[in-house]
Amino acid sequence: MIPIAQLKGDMEFYRSLGKLVEVLKLISAAQYQTLEKKIKTYSLYLDALAGIFQWLDVQQVRHPFIRQTDSPAGVVAVTTDAGLLGGLNAQVMNKAMALIEAGGGKLIIIGKRGQLYLEQKKMVFANFPGVIDEQRLEQSLQLRDYLSSSVLKGQLGKISIVFPRALSFTSQRIEVVQVLPFIPDADKQPTNIGMSDIVFESELGHIVEYLVYLWLGQKIFEIFGMSRLAEQAARFMHLENCNERIKDLDKKLRFQYFRTRHEIIDQNMRELFAARLLHE
């Protein structure tokens, strides 16, 4: 039988832990709501940028930004620096590993959690720090420059990014987006209308490279924002599940505590009654 003092101590511990989890839940919910208001998709900008391609005859351009090459593929996995996400990072890494196992290539890891995952497997990878809200733009441009440079040098070919997306406050899913080679919107394919009247001051290949370069930076910026939003949502749900388990444990401990307490009282009463009988 567990000593009643230990049961009482365990009850106080789980009660304090439950209060801490409640505070962490409120923080995650507040961060989610704040971040949700800040995140913008800039769809008009991206649509306008992609729409320029309807005036460009990209079929004439042999550029790695818009043409598949034989270079190794690159898979970017967006994980986090912190835990308490209920397996969200593991889902991202499992998806990224599945892509590598299916087609080969190089892994680029964002965040410490993904790095720890691969270090345990003793795999080679490139790594970048986890996304920080205040540095999200700078981090996006840093990754953009690394990926674009690697593709231009022939070190990487097709680039895919694996990241978590928050469908709602209580639901997330893992998505895979191909960012290179850039695929123009099917609804905005070149019309070749008036092409002979357009004067290009730069080579068509340079124009395509610059446009995709701009698009890539903005796309990564949005992906980083969506992954941070999914992180806060996943943390809230994980803390909610932890809180429910703590309540169940506290309920069991209370039952065991009062049962043990009653058994001690009953035993004391029996011993007292037995002592009185001996003195009579």
C-alpha atoms as a PDB file:
ATOM      1  CA  MET A   1       0.000   0.000   0.000  1.00  0.00           C
ATOM      2  CA  ILE A   2       1.325   3.433  -0.940  1.00  0.00           C
ATOM      3  CA  PRO A   3       1.891   5.649   2.126  1.00  0.00           C
ATOM      4  CA  ILE A   4      -0.793   8.292   2.514  1.00  0.00           C
ATOM      5  CA  ALA A   5       1.843  11.045   2.762  1.00  0.00           C
ATOM      6  CA  GLN A   6       3.183  10.050  -0.659  1.00  0.00           C
ATOM      7  CA  LEU A   7      -0.322  10.018  -2.150  1.00  0.00           C
ATOM      8  CA  LYS A   8      -0.973  13.480  -0.758  1.00  0.00           C
ATOM      9  CA  GLY A   9       2.325  14.720  -2.190  1.00  0.00           C
ATOM     10  CA  ASP A  10       1.504  13.233  -5.611  1.00  0.00           C
ATOM     11  CA  MET A  11      -1.912  14.922  -5.562  1.00  0.00           C
ATOM     12  CA  GLU A  12      -0.330  18.308  -4.826  1.00  0.00           C
ATOM     13  CA  PHE A  13       2.242  17.748  -7.589  1.00  0.00           C
ATOM     14  CA  TYR A  14      -0.338  16.920 -10.264  1.00  0.00           C
ATOM     15  CA  ARG A  15      -2.565  19.773  -9.108  1.00  0.00           C
ATOM     16  CA  SER A  16       0.326  22.215  -9.604  1.00  0.00           C
ATOM     17  CA  LEU A  17       1.248  20.591 -12.912  1.00  0.00           C
ATOM     18  CA  GLY A  18      -2.328  20.977 -14.119  1.00  0.00           C
ATOM     19  CA  LYS A  19      -2.277  24.693 -13.325  1.00  0.00           C
ATOM     20  CA  LEU A  20       0.993  25.066 -15.252  1.00  0.00           C
ATOM     21  CA  VAL A  21      -0.426  23.246 -18.266  1.00  0.00           C
ATOM     22  CA  GLU A  22      -3.486  25.516 -18.202  1.00  0.00           C
ATOM     23  CA  VAL A  23      -1.217  28.563 -18.318  1.00  0.00           C
ATOM     24  CA  LEU A  24       0.768  27.095 -21.225  1.00  0.00           C
ATOM     25  CA  LYS A  25      -2.493  26.395 -23.049  1.00  0.00           C
ATOM     26  CA  LEU A  26      -3.574  30.012 -22.679  1.00  0.00           C
ATOM     27  CA  ILE A  27      -0.194  31.190 -23.961  1.00  0.00           C
ATOM     28  CA  SER A  28      -0.392  28.913 -27.016  1.00  0.00           C
ATOM     29  CA  ALA A  29      -3.946  30.047 -27.766  1.00  0.00           C
ATOM     30  CA  ALA A  30      -2.947  33.709 -27.485  1.00  0.00           C
ATOM     31  CA  GLN A  31       0.120  33.190 -29.704  1.00  0.00           C
ATOM     32  CA  TYR A  32      -1.993  31.379 -32.283  1.00  0.00           C
ATOM     33  CA  GLN A  33      -4.549  34.185 -32.446  1.00  0.00           C
ATOM     34  CA  THR A  34      -1.859  36.864 -32.637  1.00  0.00           C
ATOM     35  CA  LEU A  35       0.064  35.034 -35.342  1.00  0.00           C
ATOM     36  CA  GLU A  36      -3.093  34.277 -37.322  1.00  0.00           C
ATOM     37  CA  LYS A  37      -3.787  38.015 -37.598  1.00  0.00           C
ATOM     38  CA  LYS A  38      -0.243  38.738 -38.755  1.00  0.00           C
ATOM     39  CA  ILE A  39       0.039  36.048 -41.407  1.00  0.00           C
ATOM     40  CA  LYS A  40      -0.882  37.148 -44.907  1.00  0.00           C
ATOM     41  CA  THR A  41      -0.771  35.031 -48.043  1.00  0.00           C
ATOM     42  CA  TYR A  42      -0.118  37.943 -50.429  1.00  0.00           C
ATOM     43  CA  SER A  43      -2.089  36.019 -53.029  1.00  0.00           C
ATOM     44  CA  LEU A  44      -2.512  39.085 -55.258  1.00  0.00           C
ATOM     45  CA  TYR A  45       1.246  39.595 -55.356  1.00  0.00           C
ATOM     46  CA  LEU A  46       1.968  35.951 -56.127  1.00  0.00           C
ATOM     47  CA  ASP A  47      -0.800  35.808 -58.732  1.00  0.00           C
ATOM     48  CA  ALA A  48       0.488  38.944 -60.420  1.00  0.00           C
ATOM     49  CA  LEU A  49       4.045  37.643 -60.394  1.00  0.00           C
ATOM     50  CA  ALA A  50       3.018  34.275 -61.779  1.00  0.00           C
ATOM     51  CA  GLY A  51       0.729  35.991 -64.307  1.00  0.00           C
ATOM     52  CA  ILE A  52       3.714  37.671 -65.940  1.00  0.00           C
ATOM     53  CA  PHE A  53       4.624  34.299 -67.352  1.00  0.00           C
ATOM     54  CA  GLN A  54       1.656  34.456 -69.701  1.00  0.00           C
ATOM     55  CA  TRP A  55       3.627  37.076 -71.642  1.00  0.00           C
ATOM     56  CA  LEU A  56       6.827  35.025 -71.684  1.00  0.00           C
ATOM     57  CA  ASP A  57       7.521  32.175 -74.043  1.00  0.00           C
ATOM     58  CA  VAL A  58       9.306  30.086 -71.444  1.00  0.00           C
ATOM     59  CA  GLN A  59       9.467  27.154 -73.847  1.00  0.00           C
ATOM     60  CA  GLN A  60      12.466  28.895 -75.383  1.00  0.00           C
ATOM     61  CA  VAL A  61      14.276  29.031 -72.022  1.00  0.00           C
ATOM     62  CA  ARG A  62      16.454  26.212 -70.737  1.00  0.00           C
ATOM     63  CA  HIS A  63      16.850  27.248 -67.137  1.00  0.00           C
ATOM     64  CA  PRO A  64      16.980  25.002 -64.019  1.00  0.00           C
ATOM     65  CA  PHE A  65      14.400  27.226 -62.313  1.00  0.00           C
ATOM     66  CA  ILE A  66      11.762  26.084 -64.809  1.00  0.00           C
ATOM     67  CA  ARG A  67      13.249  22.885 -66.257  1.00  0.00           C
ATOM     68  CA  GLN A  68      13.797  19.584 -64.469  1.00  0.00           C
ATOM     69  CA  THR A  69      17.467  18.582 -64.361  1.00  0.00           C
ATOM     70  CA  ASP A  70      19.320  15.388 -63.494  1.00  0.00           C
ATOM     71  CA  SER A  71      20.735  16.920 -60.313  1.00  0.00           C
ATOM     72  CA  PRO A  72      19.767  15.350 -56.961  1.00  0.00           C
ATOM     73  CA  ALA A  73      16.451  16.447 -55.521  1.00  0.00           C
ATOM     74  CA  GLY A  74      16.302  18.564 -52.403  1.00  0.00           C
ATOM     75  CA  VAL A  75      13.737  18.009 -49.652  1.00  0.00           C
ATOM     76  CA  VAL A  76      13.267  20.766 -47.085  1.00  0.00           C
ATOM     77  CA  ALA A  77      11.666  19.647 -43.808  1.00  0.00           C
ATOM     78  CA  VAL A  78      10.282  22.445 -41.628  1.00  0.00           C
ATOM     79  CA  THR A  79      10.419  21.363 -37.977  1.00  0.00           C
ATOM     80  CA  THR A  80      10.668  23.352 -34.740  1.00  0.00           C
ATOM     81  CA  ASP A  81      13.152  24.139 -31.996  1.00  0.00           C
ATOM     82  CA  ALA A  82      10.670  23.381 -29.212  1.00  0.00           C
ATOM     83  CA  GLY A  83       8.659  20.303 -28.302  1.00  0.00           C
ATOM     84  CA  LEU A  84       5.215  19.618 -26.819  1.00  0.00           C
ATOM     85  CA  LEU A  85       3.685  19.272 -30.279  1.00  0.00           C
ATOM     86  CA  GLY A  86       2.218  15.807 -29.971  1.00  0.00           C
ATOM     87  CA  GLY A  87       4.322  14.165 -32.691  1.00  0.00           C
ATOM     88  CA  LEU A  88       3.929  16.910 -35.325  1.00  0.00           C
ATOM     89  CA  ASN A  89       7.686  17.102 -35.961  1.00  0.00           C
ATOM     90  CA  ALA A  90       7.878  13.331 -36.316  1.00  0.00           C
ATOM     91  CA  GLN A  91       5.137  13.434 -38.960  1.00  0.00           C
ATOM     92  CA  VAL A  92       7.069  16.052 -40.928  1.00  0.00           C
ATOM     93  CA  MET A  93      10.270  14.016 -40.767  1.00  0.00           C
ATOM     94  CA  ASN A  94       8.530  10.760 -41.690  1.00  0.00           C
ATOM     95  CA  LYS A  95       7.074  12.428 -44.778  1.00  0.00           C
ATOM     96  CA  ALA A  96      10.425  13.934 -45.744  1.00  0.00           C
ATOM     97  CA  MET A  97      12.188  10.600 -45.251  1.00  0.00           C
ATOM     98  CA  ALA A  98       9.575   8.874 -47.407  1.00  0.00           C
ATOM     99  CA  LEU A  99      10.308  11.322 -50.253  1.00  0.00           C
ATOM    100  CA  ILE A 100      14.053  10.716 -49.930  1.00  0.00           C
ATOM    101  CA  GLU A 101      13.618   6.939 -49.821  1.00  0.00           C
ATOM    102  CA  ALA A 102      11.376   7.050 -52.891  1.00  0.00           C
ATOM    103  CA  GLY A 103      13.524   9.272 -55.085  1.00  0.00           C
ATOM    104  CA  GLY A 104      16.807   9.940 -53.301  1.00  0.00           C
ATOM    105  CA  GLY A 105      18.276  13.394 -52.822  1.00  0.00           C
ATOM    106  CA  LYS A 106      19.483  15.714 -50.082  1.00  0.00           C
ATOM    107  CA  LEU A 107      17.710  16.701 -46.872  1.00  0.00           C
ATOM    108  CA  ILE A 108      17.632  20.315 -45.703  1.00  0.00           C
ATOM    109  CA  ILE A 109      16.325  20.593 -42.147  1.00  0.00           C
ATOM    110  CA  ILE A 110      14.764  23.638 -40.514  1.00  0.00           C
ATOM    111  CA  GLY A 111      14.696  23.422 -36.704  1.00  0.00           C
ATOM    112  CA  LYS A 112      16.480  21.455 -33.984  1.00  0.00           C
ATOM    113  CA  ARG A 113      13.842  18.725 -33.701  1.00  0.00           C
ATOM    114  CA  GLY A 114      14.450  17.535 -37.235  1.00  0.00           C
ATOM    115  CA  GLN A 115      18.197  17.774 -36.744  1.00  0.00           C
ATOM    116  CA  LEU A 116      18.045  15.580 -33.630  1.00  0.00           C
ATOM    117  CA  TYR A 117      15.912  13.074 -35.536  1.00  0.00           C
ATOM    118  CA  LEU A 118      18.549  12.671 -38.267  1.00  0.00           C
ATOM    119  CA  GLU A 119      21.539  12.788 -35.921  1.00  0.00           C
ATOM    120  CA  GLN A 120      20.154   9.709 -34.196  1.00  0.00           C
ATOM    121  CA  LYS A 121      20.055   8.008 -37.590  1.00  0.00           C
ATOM    122  CA  LYS A 122      23.579   9.309 -38.370  1.00  0.00           C
ATOM    123  CA  MET A 123      22.461  10.885 -41.648  1.00  0.00           C
ATOM    124  CA  VAL A 124      24.108  13.765 -43.509  1.00  0.00           C
ATOM    125  CA  PHE A 125      21.989  16.877 -44.003  1.00  0.00           C
ATOM    126  CA  ALA A 126      22.090  20.653 -44.309  1.00  0.00           C
ATOM    127  CA  ASN A 127      20.480  22.549 -41.463  1.00  0.00           C
ATOM    128  CA  PHE A 128      19.045  25.949 -40.614  1.00  0.00           C
ATOM    129  CA  PRO A 129      17.688  27.348 -37.303  1.00  0.00           C
ATOM    130  CA  GLY A 130      14.034  26.963 -36.411  1.00  0.00           C
ATOM    131  CA  VAL A 131      11.658  29.688 -37.524  1.00  0.00           C
ATOM    132  CA  ILE A 132      11.444  32.721 -35.235  1.00  0.00           C
ATOM    133  CA  ASP A 133       8.506  35.058 -35.823  1.00  0.00           C
ATOM    134  CA  GLU A 134      10.573  38.250 -35.622  1.00  0.00           C
ATOM    135  CA  GLN A 135      13.193  36.840 -38.029  1.00  0.00           C
ATOM    136  CA  ARG A 136      10.896  34.999 -40.400  1.00  0.00           C
ATOM    137  CA  LEU A 137      11.578  37.233 -43.405  1.00  0.00           C
ATOM    138  CA  GLU A 138      15.368  37.107 -42.989  1.00  0.00           C
ATOM    139  CA  GLN A 139      15.255  33.331 -42.519  1.00  0.00           C
ATOM    140  CA  SER A 140      13.086  32.942 -45.622  1.00  0.00           C
ATOM    141  CA  LEU A 141      15.514  34.929 -47.751  1.00  0.00           C
ATOM    142  CA  GLN A 142      18.454  32.996 -46.355  1.00  0.00           C
ATOM    143  CA  LEU A 143      16.880  29.669 -47.329  1.00  0.00           C
ATOM    144  CA  ARG A 144      15.812  31.129 -50.702  1.00  0.00           C
ATOM    145  CA  ASP A 145      19.390  32.157 -51.472  1.00  0.00           C
ATOM    146  CA  TYR A 146      20.749  28.754 -50.431  1.00  0.00           C
ATOM    147  CA  LEU A 147      18.265  26.803 -52.552  1.00  0.00           C
ATOM    148  CA  SER A 148      18.522  29.026 -55.632  1.00  0.00           C
ATOM    149  CA  SER A 149      22.331  29.015 -55.481  1.00  0.00           C
ATOM    150  CA  SER A 150      22.411  25.216 -55.130  1.00  0.00           C
ATOM    151  CA  VAL A 151      20.117  24.802 -58.131  1.00  0.00           C
ATOM    152  CA  LEU A 152      22.089  27.241 -60.298  1.00  0.00           C
ATOM    153  CA  LYS A 153      25.327  25.409 -59.433  1.00  0.00           C
ATOM    154  CA  GLY A 154      23.767  22.077 -60.384  1.00  0.00           C
ATOM    155  CA  GLN A 155      24.038  20.733 -56.838  1.00  0.00           C
ATOM    156  CA  LEU A 156      20.271  20.333 -56.513  1.00  0.00           C
ATOM    157  CA  GLY A 157      17.431  19.858 -58.984  1.00  0.00           C
ATOM    158  CA  LYS A 158      13.816  19.507 -57.932  1.00  0.00           C
ATOM    159  CA  ILE A 159      13.086  21.190 -54.579  1.00  0.00           C
ATOM    160  CA  SER A 160      10.146  20.205 -52.353  1.00  0.00           C
ATOM    161  CA  ILE A 161       9.215  21.625 -48.966  1.00  0.00           C
ATOM    162  CA  VAL A 162       7.500  19.498 -46.304  1.00  0.00           C
ATOM    163  CA  PHE A 163       5.719  21.520 -43.629  1.00  0.00           C
ATOM    164  CA  PRO A 164       2.716  21.416 -41.268  1.00  0.00           C
ATOM    165  CA  ARG A 165      -0.373  23.486 -42.071  1.00  0.00           C
ATOM    166  CA  ALA A 166      -3.084  24.400 -39.582  1.00  0.00           C
ATOM    167  CA  LEU A 167      -6.474  23.636 -41.106  1.00  0.00           C
ATOM    168  CA  SER A 168      -8.060  25.034 -37.959  1.00  0.00           C
ATOM    169  CA  PHE A 169      -7.201  25.587 -34.321  1.00  0.00           C
ATOM    170  CA  THR A 170      -7.721  21.888 -33.642  1.00  0.00           C
ATOM    171  CA  SER A 171      -6.532  20.275 -36.862  1.00  0.00           C
ATOM    172  CA  GLN A 172      -3.218  20.163 -38.736  1.00  0.00           C
ATOM    173  CA  ARG A 173      -1.909  18.237 -41.708  1.00  0.00           C
ATOM    174  CA  ILE A 174       1.470  17.706 -43.373  1.00  0.00           C
ATOM    175  CA  GLU A 175       1.791  19.181 -46.872  1.00  0.00           C
ATOM    176  CA  VAL A 176       4.396  18.884 -49.616  1.00  0.00           C
ATOM    177  CA  VAL A 177       4.911  21.777 -52.033  1.00  0.00           C
ATOM    178  CA  GLN A 178       7.232  21.711 -55.031  1.00  0.00           C
ATOM    179  CA  VAL A 179       8.889  25.115 -55.353  1.00  0.00           C
ATOM    180  CA  LEU A 180      11.510  24.348 -58.029  1.00  0.00           C
ATOM    181  CA  PRO A 181      11.297  23.926 -60.949  1.00  0.00           C
ATOM    182  CA  PHE A 182       8.654  26.643 -60.918  1.00  0.00           C
ATOM    183  CA  ILE A 183       5.412  25.545 -62.571  1.00  0.00           C
ATOM    184  CA  PRO A 184       3.355  28.461 -63.974  1.00  0.00           C
ATOM    185  CA  ASP A 185      -0.362  28.501 -63.268  1.00  0.00           C
ATOM    186  CA  ALA A 186      -2.152  26.338 -65.847  1.00  0.00           C
ATOM    187  CA  ASP A 187      -4.722  29.118 -66.278  1.00  0.00           C
ATOM    188  CA  LYS A 188      -1.987  31.594 -67.150  1.00  0.00           C
ATOM    189  CA  GLN A 189      -0.037  29.784 -69.833  1.00  0.00           C
ATOM    190  CA  PRO A 190       1.641  31.918 -72.530  1.00  0.00           C
ATOM    191  CA  THR A 191      -0.851  33.309 -75.000  1.00  0.00           C
ATOM    192  CA  ASN A 192       1.825  34.508 -77.451  1.00  0.00           C
ATOM    193  CA  ILE A 193      -0.447  37.458 -78.169  1.00  0.00           C
ATOM    194  CA  GLY A 194       1.607  40.490 -79.053  1.00  0.00           C
ATOM    195  CA  MET A 195       4.908  38.776 -78.265  1.00  0.00           C
ATOM    196  CA  SER A 196       6.563  40.394 -81.265  1.00  0.00           C
ATOM    197  CA  ASP A 197       5.680  43.837 -79.890  1.00  0.00           C
ATOM    198  CA  ILE A 198       7.399  43.260 -76.508  1.00  0.00           C
ATOM    199  CA  VAL A 199      10.935  44.583 -76.147  1.00  0.00           C
ATOM    200  CA  PHE A 200      13.028  42.789 -73.533  1.00  0.00           C
ATOM    201  CA  GLU A 201      15.976  44.756 -72.186  1.00  0.00           C
ATOM    202  CA  SER A 202      17.438  41.619 -70.604  1.00  0.00           C
ATOM    203  CA  GLU A 203      17.753  38.066 -71.818  1.00  0.00           C
ATOM    204  CA  LEU A 204      14.593  36.033 -71.335  1.00  0.00           C
ATOM    205  CA  GLY A 205      16.459  33.538 -69.166  1.00  0.00           C
ATOM    206  CA  HIS A 206      17.590  36.292 -66.799  1.00  0.00           C
ATOM    207  CA  ILE A 207      14.050  37.653 -66.545  1.00  0.00           C
ATOM    208  CA  VAL A 208      12.659  34.209 -65.722  1.00  0.00           C
ATOM    209  CA  GLU A 209      15.401  33.625 -63.148  1.00  0.00           C
ATOM    210  CA  TYR A 210      14.693  36.922 -61.371  1.00  0.00           C
ATOM    211  CA  LEU A 211      10.916  36.416 -61.322  1.00  0.00           C
ATOM    212  CA  VAL A 212      11.205  32.906 -59.901  1.00  0.00           C
ATOM    213  CA  TYR A 213      13.796  34.177 -57.407  1.00  0.00           C
ATOM    214  CA  LEU A 214      11.300  36.767 -56.124  1.00  0.00           C
ATOM    215  CA  TRP A 215       8.463  34.236 -56.067  1.00  0.00           C
ATOM    216  CA  LEU A 216      10.554  31.661 -54.182  1.00  0.00           C
ATOM    217  CA  GLY A 217      11.398  34.049 -51.356  1.00  0.00           C
ATOM    218  CA  GLN A 218       7.769  35.036 -50.879  1.00  0.00           C
ATOM    219  CA  LYS A 219       6.587  31.413 -51.032  1.00  0.00           C
ATOM    220  CA  ILE A 220       9.057  30.296 -48.368  1.00  0.00           C
ATOM    221  CA  PHE A 221       8.029  33.259 -46.198  1.00  0.00           C
ATOM    222  CA  GLU A 222       4.401  32.118 -46.347  1.00  0.00           C
ATOM    223  CA  ILE A 223       5.291  28.481 -45.671  1.00  0.00           C
ATOM    224  CA  PHE A 224       7.286  29.487 -42.599  1.00  0.00           C
ATOM    225  CA  GLY A 225       4.306  31.477 -41.333  1.00  0.00           C
ATOM    226  CA  MET A 226       1.886  28.590 -41.863  1.00  0.00           C
ATOM    227  CA  SER A 227       4.231  26.156 -40.118  1.00  0.00           C
ATOM    228  CA  ARG A 228       4.495  28.468 -37.097  1.00  0.00           C
ATOM    229  CA  LEU A 229       0.717  28.702 -36.951  1.00  0.00           C
ATOM    230  CA  ALA A 230       0.424  24.919 -37.086  1.00  0.00           C
ATOM    231  CA  GLU A 231       3.034  24.677 -34.315  1.00  0.00           C
ATOM    232  CA  GLN A 232       0.961  26.775 -31.918  1.00  0.00           C
ATOM    233  CA  ALA A 233      -2.223  24.867 -32.747  1.00  0.00           C
ATOM    234  CA  ALA A 234      -0.499  21.502 -32.275  1.00  0.00           C
ATOM    235  CA  ARG A 235       0.980  22.626 -28.961  1.00  0.00           C
ATOM    236  CA  PHE A 236      -2.436  23.708 -27.685  1.00  0.00           C
ATOM    237  CA  MET A 237      -3.995  20.359 -28.601  1.00  0.00           C
ATOM    238  CA  HIS A 238      -1.103  18.428 -27.059  1.00  0.00           C
ATOM    239  CA  LEU A 239      -1.394  20.436 -23.839  1.00  0.00           C
ATOM    240  CA  GLU A 240      -5.144  19.867 -23.842  1.00  0.00           C
ATOM    241  CA  ASN A 241      -4.587  16.109 -24.051  1.00  0.00           C
ATOM    242  CA  CYS A 242      -1.963  16.323 -21.295  1.00  0.00           C
ATOM    243  CA  ASN A 243      -4.401  18.246 -19.131  1.00  0.00           C
ATOM    244  CA  GLU A 244      -7.052  15.560 -19.554  1.00  0.00           C
ATOM    245  CA  ARG A 245      -4.565  12.849 -18.568  1.00  0.00           C
ATOM    246  CA  ILE A 246      -3.526  14.865 -15.523  1.00  0.00           C
ATOM    247  CA  LYS A 247      -7.179  15.162 -14.479  1.00  0.00           C
ATOM    248  CA  ASP A 248      -7.596  11.392 -14.821  1.00  0.00           C
ATOM    249  CA  LEU A 249      -4.482  10.763 -12.725  1.00  0.00           C
ATOM    250  CA  ASP A 250      -5.629  13.257 -10.106  1.00  0.00           C
ATOM    251  CA  LYS A 251      -9.019  11.544  -9.964  1.00  0.00           C
ATOM    252  CA  LYS A 252      -7.405   8.132  -9.441  1.00  0.00           C
ATOM    253  CA  LEU A 253      -5.036   9.506  -6.823  1.00  0.00           C
ATOM    254  CA  ARG A 254      -7.906  11.120  -4.926  1.00  0.00           C
ATOM    255  CA  PHE A 255      -9.821   7.859  -4.943  1.00  0.00           C
ATOM    256  CA  GLN A 256      -6.754   5.963  -3.752  1.00  0.00           C
ATOM    257  CA  TYR A 257      -5.984   8.628  -1.139  1.00  0.00           C
ATOM    258  CA  PHE A 258      -9.452   8.559   0.448  1.00  0.00           C
ATOM    259  CA  ARG A 259      -9.587   4.782   0.264  1.00  0.00           C
ATOM    260  CA  THR A 260      -6.221   4.503   2.016  1.00  0.00           C
ATOM    261  CA  ARG A 261      -7.288   7.133   4.551  1.00  0.00           C
ATOM    262  CA  HIS A 262     -10.479   5.216   5.359  1.00  0.00           C
ATOM    263  CA  GLU A 263      -8.542   1.965   5.676  1.00  0.00           C
ATOM    264  CA  ILE A 264      -6.164   3.616   8.152  1.00  0.00           C
ATOM    265  CA  ILE A 265      -9.083   5.022  10.166  1.00  0.00           C
ATOM    266  CA  ASP A 266     -10.808   1.626  10.177  1.00  0.00           C
ATOM    267  CA  GLN A 267      -7.612  -0.081  11.260  1.00  0.00           C
ATOM    268  CA  ASN A 268      -7.055   2.421  14.072  1.00  0.00           C
ATOM    269  CA  MET A 269     -10.631   1.943  15.260  1.00  0.00           C
ATOM    270  CA  ARG A 270     -10.261  -1.845  15.257  1.00  0.00           C
ATOM    271  CA  GLU A 271      -6.991  -1.626  17.179  1.00  0.00           C
ATOM    272  CA  LEU A 272      -8.542   0.790  19.681  1.00  0.00           C
ATOM    273  CA  PHE A 273     -11.576  -1.477  20.153  1.00  0.00           C
ATOM    274  CA  ALA A 274      -9.349  -4.533  20.549  1.00  0.00           C
ATOM    275  CA  ALA A 275      -7.217  -2.715  23.162  1.00  0.00           C
ATOM    276  CA  ARG A 276     -10.285  -1.801  25.197  1.00  0.00           C
ATOM    277  CA  LEU A 277     -11.473  -5.426  25.174  1.00  0.00           C
ATOM    278  CA  LEU A 278      -8.138  -6.566  26.552  1.00  0.00           C
ATOM    279  CA  HIS A 279      -8.390  -4.132  29.485  1.00  0.00           C
ATOM    280  CA  GLU A 280     -11.905  -5.190  30.462  1.00  0.00           C
END
